[in-house]
Protein backbone atom coordinates (compact mmCIF):
# COMPACT_ATOMS: atom_id res chain seq x y z
CA UNK A 1 -45.96 -103.49 -80.39
CA UNK A 2 -43.50 -101.73 -81.66
CA UNK A 3 -40.61 -102.35 -79.21
CA UNK A 4 -37.14 -103.54 -79.84
CA UNK A 5 -37.77 -106.97 -78.34
CA UNK A 6 -40.87 -108.96 -77.50
CA UNK A 7 -41.31 -112.07 -75.13
CA UNK A 8 -42.16 -115.33 -76.06
CA UNK A 9 -43.45 -117.09 -73.13
CA UNK A 10 -42.06 -120.79 -74.58
CA UNK A 11 -41.69 -124.20 -74.40
CA UNK A 12 -38.43 -125.88 -73.19
CA UNK A 13 -37.99 -127.10 -77.20
CA UNK A 14 -38.82 -124.39 -78.03
CA UNK A 15 -41.37 -125.40 -80.67
CA UNK A 16 -44.54 -123.37 -82.17
CA UNK A 17 -47.05 -123.44 -79.55
CA UNK A 18 -50.95 -122.23 -78.84
CA UNK A 19 -51.51 -118.98 -76.86
CA UNK A 20 -49.20 -116.60 -77.09
CA UNK A 21 -46.29 -118.48 -78.39
CA UNK A 22 -48.86 -120.21 -81.39
CA UNK A 23 -49.25 -116.40 -81.95
CA UNK A 24 -46.01 -114.87 -82.75
CA UNK A 25 -45.00 -117.76 -84.88
CA UNK A 26 -47.51 -117.32 -87.26
CA UNK A 27 -47.51 -113.20 -86.96
CA UNK A 28 -43.12 -113.86 -87.64
CA UNK A 29 -43.66 -116.41 -90.11
CA UNK A 30 -43.59 -120.19 -89.03
CA UNK A 31 -40.85 -121.88 -91.43
CA UNK A 32 -37.88 -118.92 -90.25
CA UNK A 33 -39.31 -118.42 -86.51
CA UNK A 34 -39.06 -122.29 -86.42
CA UNK A 35 -35.66 -122.84 -88.22
CA UNK A 36 -33.87 -119.85 -85.70
CA UNK A 37 -35.35 -121.24 -82.88
CA UNK A 38 -34.23 -125.20 -84.05
CA UNK A 39 -30.80 -123.63 -83.58
CA UNK A 40 -30.76 -122.84 -79.60
CA UNK A 41 -33.68 -125.83 -78.98
CA UNK A 42 -33.76 -127.25 -75.98
CA UNK A 43 -33.13 -124.92 -73.27
CA UNK A 44 -33.90 -125.15 -69.36
CA UNK A 45 -36.71 -123.42 -68.09
CA UNK A 46 -35.91 -119.90 -66.73
CA UNK A 47 -33.20 -119.37 -69.59
CA UNK A 48 -34.04 -117.02 -72.52
CA UNK A 49 -32.48 -116.83 -76.05
CA UNK A 50 -33.19 -114.20 -78.80
CA UNK A 51 -34.03 -114.70 -82.19
CA UNK A 52 -34.55 -111.97 -85.05
CA UNK A 53 -38.69 -110.89 -85.54
CA UNK A 54 -38.82 -111.52 -88.86
CA UNK A 55 -42.17 -110.13 -89.61
CA UNK A 56 -42.92 -108.89 -86.19
CA UNK A 57 -42.89 -105.14 -86.04
CA UNK A 58 -40.40 -105.65 -83.22
CA UNK A 59 -36.76 -106.63 -84.19
CA UNK A 60 -36.11 -109.28 -81.98
CA UNK A 61 -38.20 -112.42 -79.72
CA UNK A 62 -36.72 -113.32 -76.80
CA UNK A 63 -37.67 -116.89 -76.27
CA UNK A 64 -37.98 -117.60 -72.26
CA UNK A 65 -39.57 -121.36 -71.04
CA UNK A 66 -41.98 -120.65 -68.14
CA UNK A 67 -42.29 -123.11 -65.02
CA UNK A 68 -44.84 -125.46 -65.17
CA UNK A 69 -47.04 -124.45 -61.77
CA UNK A 70 -47.48 -127.30 -59.47
CA UNK A 71 -47.99 -126.13 -56.21
CA UNK A 72 -45.37 -123.45 -55.14
CA UNK A 73 -42.85 -125.89 -53.90
CA UNK A 74 -41.17 -126.82 -56.69
CA UNK A 75 -38.72 -123.86 -57.19
CA UNK A 76 -41.50 -122.26 -59.58
CA UNK A 77 -40.59 -118.74 -58.41
CA UNK A 78 -37.42 -118.57 -58.48
CA UNK A 79 -37.57 -120.13 -62.25
CA UNK A 80 -40.34 -117.44 -63.08
CA UNK A 81 -37.86 -115.19 -61.48
CA UNK A 82 -34.97 -116.18 -63.98
CA UNK A 83 -37.64 -116.01 -66.95
CA UNK A 84 -37.47 -112.18 -66.37
CA UNK A 85 -34.03 -111.50 -65.07
CA UNK A 86 -32.91 -113.41 -68.07
CA UNK A 87 -34.92 -111.97 -70.81
CA UNK A 88 -33.97 -108.41 -69.52
CA UNK A 89 -30.57 -108.99 -69.58
CA UNK A 90 -30.31 -110.30 -72.75
CA UNK A 91 -32.18 -107.17 -74.53
CA UNK A 92 -29.86 -105.11 -72.75
CA UNK A 93 -26.66 -107.10 -73.91
CA UNK A 94 -28.16 -106.92 -77.47
CA UNK A 95 -28.73 -103.18 -77.10
CA UNK A 96 -32.24 -102.64 -77.10
CA UNK A 97 -34.24 -99.80 -75.74
CA UNK A 98 -37.56 -101.57 -75.26
CA UNK A 99 -38.89 -104.83 -74.66
CA UNK A 100 -42.80 -106.29 -73.88
CA UNK A 101 -43.34 -109.24 -71.67
CA UNK A 102 -46.49 -111.40 -71.57
CA UNK A 103 -47.47 -112.89 -68.01
CA UNK A 104 -45.46 -115.48 -68.30
CA UNK A 105 -46.78 -119.02 -67.51
CA UNK A 106 -50.14 -117.64 -66.36
CA UNK A 107 -51.48 -119.17 -68.67
CA UNK A 108 -52.10 -122.47 -69.71
CA UNK A 109 -49.08 -123.38 -66.98
CA UNK A 110 -51.17 -122.58 -64.38
CA UNK A 111 -49.06 -120.41 -62.41
CA UNK A 112 -51.77 -118.10 -60.23
CA UNK A 113 -52.16 -114.49 -62.09
CA UNK A 114 -51.60 -112.72 -58.81
CA UNK A 115 -48.47 -113.87 -57.80
CA UNK A 116 -47.32 -114.15 -61.77
CA UNK A 117 -47.81 -110.18 -61.22
CA UNK A 118 -46.08 -110.07 -58.55
CA UNK A 119 -42.91 -111.65 -59.31
CA UNK A 120 -42.78 -109.93 -62.77
CA UNK A 121 -43.41 -106.50 -61.11
CA UNK A 122 -40.49 -107.40 -58.45
CA UNK A 123 -38.07 -108.53 -61.10
CA UNK A 124 -38.68 -105.71 -63.44
CA UNK A 125 -38.38 -103.20 -60.60
CA UNK A 126 -34.87 -104.33 -59.58
CA UNK A 127 -33.74 -104.85 -63.23
CA UNK A 128 -34.62 -100.71 -63.94
CA UNK A 129 -33.27 -100.07 -60.29
CA UNK A 130 -29.69 -101.87 -61.29
CA UNK A 131 -30.04 -100.65 -64.74
CA UNK A 132 -29.86 -97.32 -63.81
CA UNK A 133 -26.90 -97.67 -61.77
CA UNK A 134 -25.40 -98.73 -64.61
CA UNK A 135 -26.50 -96.27 -67.13
CA UNK A 136 -28.14 -98.55 -69.27
CA UNK A 137 -32.21 -97.43 -70.00
CA UNK A 138 -34.41 -99.91 -70.91
CA UNK A 139 -38.53 -99.17 -71.22
CA UNK A 140 -40.13 -102.38 -70.02
CA UNK A 141 -43.64 -103.23 -70.83
CA UNK A 142 -46.06 -105.79 -69.08
CA UNK A 143 -48.96 -106.78 -71.01
CA UNK A 144 -51.99 -108.34 -69.55
CA UNK A 145 -55.88 -109.26 -71.07
CA UNK A 146 -57.58 -108.54 -68.38
CA UNK A 147 -57.97 -107.11 -64.61
CA UNK A 148 -57.54 -110.78 -63.44
CA UNK A 149 -54.26 -110.73 -62.33
CA UNK A 150 -54.36 -107.27 -60.64
CA UNK A 151 -55.52 -107.85 -57.22
CA UNK A 152 -54.57 -105.26 -54.54
CA UNK A 153 -54.62 -104.73 -51.10
CA UNK A 154 -57.98 -105.36 -49.65
CA UNK A 155 -57.37 -102.91 -47.16
CA UNK A 156 -56.12 -100.51 -49.43
CA UNK A 157 -59.09 -101.20 -51.64
CA UNK A 158 -61.89 -100.68 -48.93
CA UNK A 159 -60.10 -97.66 -48.06
CA UNK A 160 -59.55 -96.20 -51.34
CA UNK A 161 -63.16 -97.01 -51.90
CA UNK A 162 -64.54 -95.10 -49.15
CA UNK A 163 -62.08 -92.35 -50.41
CA UNK A 164 -64.06 -92.43 -53.78
CA UNK A 165 -67.40 -92.38 -51.86
CA UNK A 166 -66.44 -89.42 -49.67
CA UNK A 167 -64.97 -87.21 -52.72
CA UNK A 168 -65.65 -88.10 -56.18
CA UNK A 169 -68.64 -85.68 -57.34
CA UNK A 170 -70.10 -88.74 -59.82
CA UNK A 171 -71.92 -87.63 -63.11
CA UNK A 172 -75.29 -86.79 -63.08
CA UNK A 173 -78.58 -86.13 -65.58
CA UNK A 174 -79.64 -82.59 -66.10
CA UNK A 175 -82.89 -81.16 -66.39
CA UNK A 176 -82.26 -82.02 -70.70
CA UNK A 177 -81.11 -85.49 -70.12
CA UNK A 178 -77.45 -85.27 -71.72
CA UNK A 179 -74.79 -86.11 -69.04
CA UNK A 180 -72.49 -83.62 -67.57
CA UNK A 181 -70.55 -82.99 -64.41
CA UNK A 182 -70.06 -80.26 -61.47
CA UNK A 183 -67.35 -78.49 -62.74
CA UNK A 184 -66.75 -74.62 -61.35
CA UNK A 185 -65.17 -73.73 -64.18
CA UNK A 186 -63.31 -75.50 -67.42
CA UNK A 187 -60.32 -73.62 -69.58
CA UNK A 188 -58.93 -74.55 -72.91
CA UNK A 189 -55.44 -73.61 -73.88
CA UNK A 190 -55.07 -71.84 -77.01
CA UNK A 191 -54.30 -73.43 -80.20
CA UNK A 192 -50.76 -72.53 -80.24
CA UNK A 193 -50.09 -74.39 -77.00
CA UNK A 194 -47.44 -77.32 -77.64
CA UNK A 195 -48.70 -80.71 -77.68
CA UNK A 196 -48.94 -82.81 -74.63
CA UNK A 197 -46.94 -86.01 -74.36
CA UNK A 198 -49.21 -88.87 -74.18
CA UNK A 199 -48.28 -90.95 -71.22
CA UNK A 200 -49.94 -94.25 -72.44
CA UNK A 201 -48.11 -95.50 -75.49
CA UNK A 202 -50.96 -97.44 -78.24
CA UNK A 203 -51.21 -101.46 -78.00
CA UNK A 204 -50.43 -101.78 -74.43
CA UNK A 205 -53.66 -101.48 -72.88
CA UNK A 206 -56.51 -101.51 -75.48
CA UNK A 207 -58.75 -98.90 -73.27
CA UNK A 208 -60.74 -95.66 -74.12
CA UNK A 209 -59.78 -92.30 -73.12
CA UNK A 210 -61.99 -91.78 -70.30
CA UNK A 211 -60.48 -88.07 -69.62
CA UNK A 212 -60.54 -87.27 -73.17
CA UNK A 213 -57.64 -84.85 -74.13
CA UNK A 214 -56.77 -84.93 -70.42
CA UNK A 215 -53.33 -83.76 -71.21
CA UNK A 216 -54.30 -80.39 -72.94
CA UNK A 217 -57.37 -79.67 -70.96
CA UNK A 218 -56.83 -78.57 -67.76
CA UNK A 219 -59.58 -78.53 -64.97
CA UNK A 220 -59.62 -75.71 -62.49
CA UNK A 221 -61.57 -76.64 -59.40
CA UNK A 222 -62.58 -75.61 -55.71
CA UNK A 223 -59.35 -76.13 -53.30
CA UNK A 224 -59.59 -80.02 -52.02
CA UNK A 225 -61.88 -80.83 -49.52
CA UNK A 226 -59.78 -84.07 -48.91
CA UNK A 227 -57.09 -83.89 -45.78
CA UNK A 228 -53.74 -82.37 -46.43
CA UNK A 229 -51.59 -83.36 -44.19
CA UNK A 230 -47.78 -82.31 -44.72
CA UNK A 231 -45.48 -85.61 -44.97
CA UNK A 232 -42.68 -85.59 -42.74
CA UNK A 233 -39.96 -84.68 -45.85
CA UNK A 234 -42.03 -81.85 -47.60
CA UNK A 235 -39.98 -79.23 -49.57
CA UNK A 236 -39.33 -75.81 -47.96
CA UNK A 237 -42.51 -73.02 -49.44
CA UNK A 238 -40.03 -71.21 -50.98
CA UNK A 239 -39.16 -73.71 -53.43
CA UNK A 240 -42.55 -73.42 -54.77
CA UNK A 241 -43.09 -69.59 -53.72
CA UNK A 242 -42.80 -68.10 -57.39
CA UNK A 243 -45.33 -70.70 -59.29
CA UNK A 244 -45.00 -67.93 -62.70
CA UNK A 245 -41.00 -69.58 -63.08
CA UNK A 246 -40.95 -71.79 -66.22
CA UNK A 247 -42.01 -76.03 -65.01
CA UNK A 248 -38.96 -77.11 -65.93
CA UNK A 249 -36.76 -74.62 -63.54
CA UNK A 250 -39.49 -75.25 -61.06
CA UNK A 251 -38.95 -79.53 -60.79
CA UNK A 252 -34.98 -78.94 -61.17
CA UNK A 253 -35.62 -76.97 -58.03
CA UNK A 254 -37.22 -79.89 -56.52
CA UNK A 255 -35.32 -82.46 -57.59
CA UNK A 256 -32.48 -80.54 -55.90
CA UNK A 257 -34.58 -79.77 -52.44
CA UNK A 258 -35.05 -83.53 -52.54
CA UNK A 259 -31.61 -84.62 -52.29
CA UNK A 260 -32.93 -86.98 -55.42
CA UNK A 261 -30.89 -87.46 -58.96
CA UNK A 262 -32.65 -87.17 -62.03
CA UNK A 263 -32.70 -91.11 -63.09
CA UNK A 264 -34.19 -91.64 -59.61
CA UNK A 265 -37.11 -89.16 -60.57
CA UNK A 266 -37.90 -90.32 -63.93
CA UNK A 267 -37.49 -94.05 -62.97
CA UNK A 268 -39.93 -93.89 -60.10
CA UNK A 269 -42.02 -91.92 -62.20
CA UNK A 270 -42.09 -94.73 -64.77
CA UNK A 271 -41.20 -92.17 -67.68
CA UNK A 272 -37.96 -92.83 -69.73
CA UNK A 273 -34.98 -90.77 -70.21
CA UNK A 274 -36.02 -89.09 -73.46
CA UNK A 275 -38.90 -87.76 -72.32
CA UNK A 276 -37.32 -86.53 -69.01
CA UNK A 277 -34.80 -84.71 -71.49
CA UNK A 278 -37.05 -82.91 -73.69
CA UNK A 279 -38.92 -81.74 -69.80
CA UNK A 280 -35.94 -80.54 -68.06
CA UNK A 281 -34.67 -78.46 -70.99
CA UNK A 282 -38.20 -76.59 -71.25
CA UNK A 283 -38.36 -74.66 -74.87
CA UNK A 284 -41.63 -74.10 -74.21
CA UNK A 285 -42.93 -77.65 -73.82
CA UNK A 286 -45.11 -78.63 -70.92
CA UNK A 287 -46.10 -81.99 -70.13
CA UNK A 288 -49.41 -83.35 -69.60
CA UNK A 289 -51.18 -83.94 -66.12
CA UNK A 290 -50.65 -87.25 -65.80
CA UNK A 291 -46.62 -86.89 -66.79
CA UNK A 292 -46.85 -83.73 -64.08
CA UNK A 293 -48.66 -86.46 -61.32
CA UNK A 294 -46.30 -89.10 -62.23
CA UNK A 295 -43.50 -86.65 -61.53
CA UNK A 296 -44.82 -85.48 -58.31
CA UNK A 297 -45.41 -89.22 -56.77
CA UNK A 298 -41.78 -89.38 -57.69
CA UNK A 299 -40.99 -86.23 -55.49
CA UNK A 300 -43.44 -87.45 -52.92
CA UNK A 301 -44.47 -84.59 -52.89
CA UNK A 302 -47.38 -84.02 -50.47
CA UNK A 303 -50.92 -82.76 -51.55
CA UNK A 304 -50.21 -79.07 -51.19
CA UNK A 305 -47.10 -79.27 -53.26
CA UNK A 306 -48.52 -81.62 -55.72
CA UNK A 307 -51.23 -79.01 -56.41
CA UNK A 308 -48.62 -76.41 -56.73
CA UNK A 309 -46.71 -77.92 -59.16
CA UNK A 310 -49.67 -79.00 -61.09
CA UNK A 311 -50.87 -74.96 -61.07
CA UNK A 312 -47.27 -74.39 -62.44
CA UNK A 313 -47.92 -76.65 -65.44
CA UNK A 314 -51.60 -75.02 -65.63
CA UNK A 315 -53.66 -77.96 -64.45
CA UNK A 316 -55.80 -78.80 -60.64
CA UNK A 317 -56.89 -81.78 -59.19
CA UNK A 318 -60.43 -82.18 -60.03
CA UNK A 319 -62.90 -83.85 -57.68
CA UNK A 320 -65.03 -83.89 -61.00
CA UNK A 321 -62.39 -86.75 -62.40
CA UNK A 322 -62.36 -90.26 -60.84
CA UNK A 323 -58.60 -90.72 -61.66
CA UNK A 324 -57.70 -87.65 -60.20
CA UNK A 325 -59.53 -88.97 -56.61
CA UNK A 326 -57.59 -92.17 -57.14
CA UNK A 327 -54.36 -90.35 -57.29
CA UNK A 328 -55.21 -87.85 -54.53
CA UNK A 329 -55.95 -90.51 -52.35
CA UNK A 330 -52.54 -91.92 -52.68
CA UNK A 331 -51.12 -88.85 -52.35
CA UNK A 332 -52.89 -88.18 -49.19
CA UNK A 333 -52.10 -91.75 -47.36
CA UNK A 334 -48.54 -90.82 -48.97
CA UNK A 335 -48.00 -94.08 -51.21
CA UNK A 336 -45.93 -93.13 -53.62
CA UNK A 337 -45.13 -96.43 -55.67
CA UNK A 338 -46.22 -95.60 -59.07
CA UNK A 339 -46.66 -99.37 -59.84
CA UNK A 340 -49.51 -99.81 -57.17
CA UNK A 341 -50.80 -96.48 -58.43
CA UNK A 342 -51.32 -97.84 -61.94
CA UNK A 343 -52.82 -101.48 -60.67
CA UNK A 344 -55.47 -99.35 -58.77
CA UNK A 345 -56.00 -96.93 -61.76
CA UNK A 346 -55.92 -100.10 -64.27
CA UNK A 347 -58.62 -101.81 -62.16
CA UNK A 348 -60.88 -98.72 -62.36
CA UNK A 349 -60.31 -98.49 -65.96
CA UNK A 350 -58.29 -94.77 -65.88
CA UNK A 351 -55.52 -94.32 -67.86
CA UNK A 352 -51.74 -94.85 -66.25
CA UNK A 353 -49.33 -92.72 -64.88
CA UNK A 354 -45.93 -92.33 -66.84
CA UNK A 355 -45.84 -94.03 -70.27
């Protein structure tokens, strides 16, 4: 990954091991990485040290020793939390703008994957909240091999499955045998439309783009058949009354109406400050549909308000797109946690919100 620092799930001796650790040593150059690590060895479980990345695309490697799982009663959670916290603090002190983690201790160290994921997400959220207050902006990526760590609450899973069954217009075979979708209309923007941002960076999750050029091809459909209750904190109708205004103007008005700060919004939307500034400034730039939806989630917009802000950007929710139906489910049920939504999107092989 082309980030400032990647994290090595190391052993306390900082010696070349197997799995992620061995792969990092080999990619960086075994002799130089071993010599750099020898200067710090040994370290305690939960501690973190930093070395150059050598031949890696990343500038640095942060080595942290995760706990070996015994039974969950031997301080494993505290030590695992320390791995993430110490690694991010070290990256911030080094001036890094981005960092990528593996799911520490979830391999041969035996930490249950679902619990390891919970710890990772919780510590990352906590650090990003503190970092926003301190003014340090850090993009944090969590790289996983498969979906086994993503065990969403069974109640949410069941409700979402029922919602998809009710509202998703499944693809079908037409009389010629080719696959098609039940769309009311499809409109493509002209070639001179500004390129939309790509919300999922290459190398994080190697999944196919099931939605194609979703950022550049808005889909217009009939009004949603889904329930659309007004949330308790919905904005005044006047805020979204003029959808012909530039997107950035409407966005800034919504942020003010909700009483949020810019930092709160882009952090909760899972987008970085650079992209948010680009959207905020306008200058003809139009964010992708995924980014607009991430901002709607961050602003806690209800389903009607979400449809309005999408229309302002030239998009609409479509029940012919499973991604749209999943995001709509969370908005309708006022569950505005982008990380939880992304976990479910990942389970359904869909692109993720934010970047």
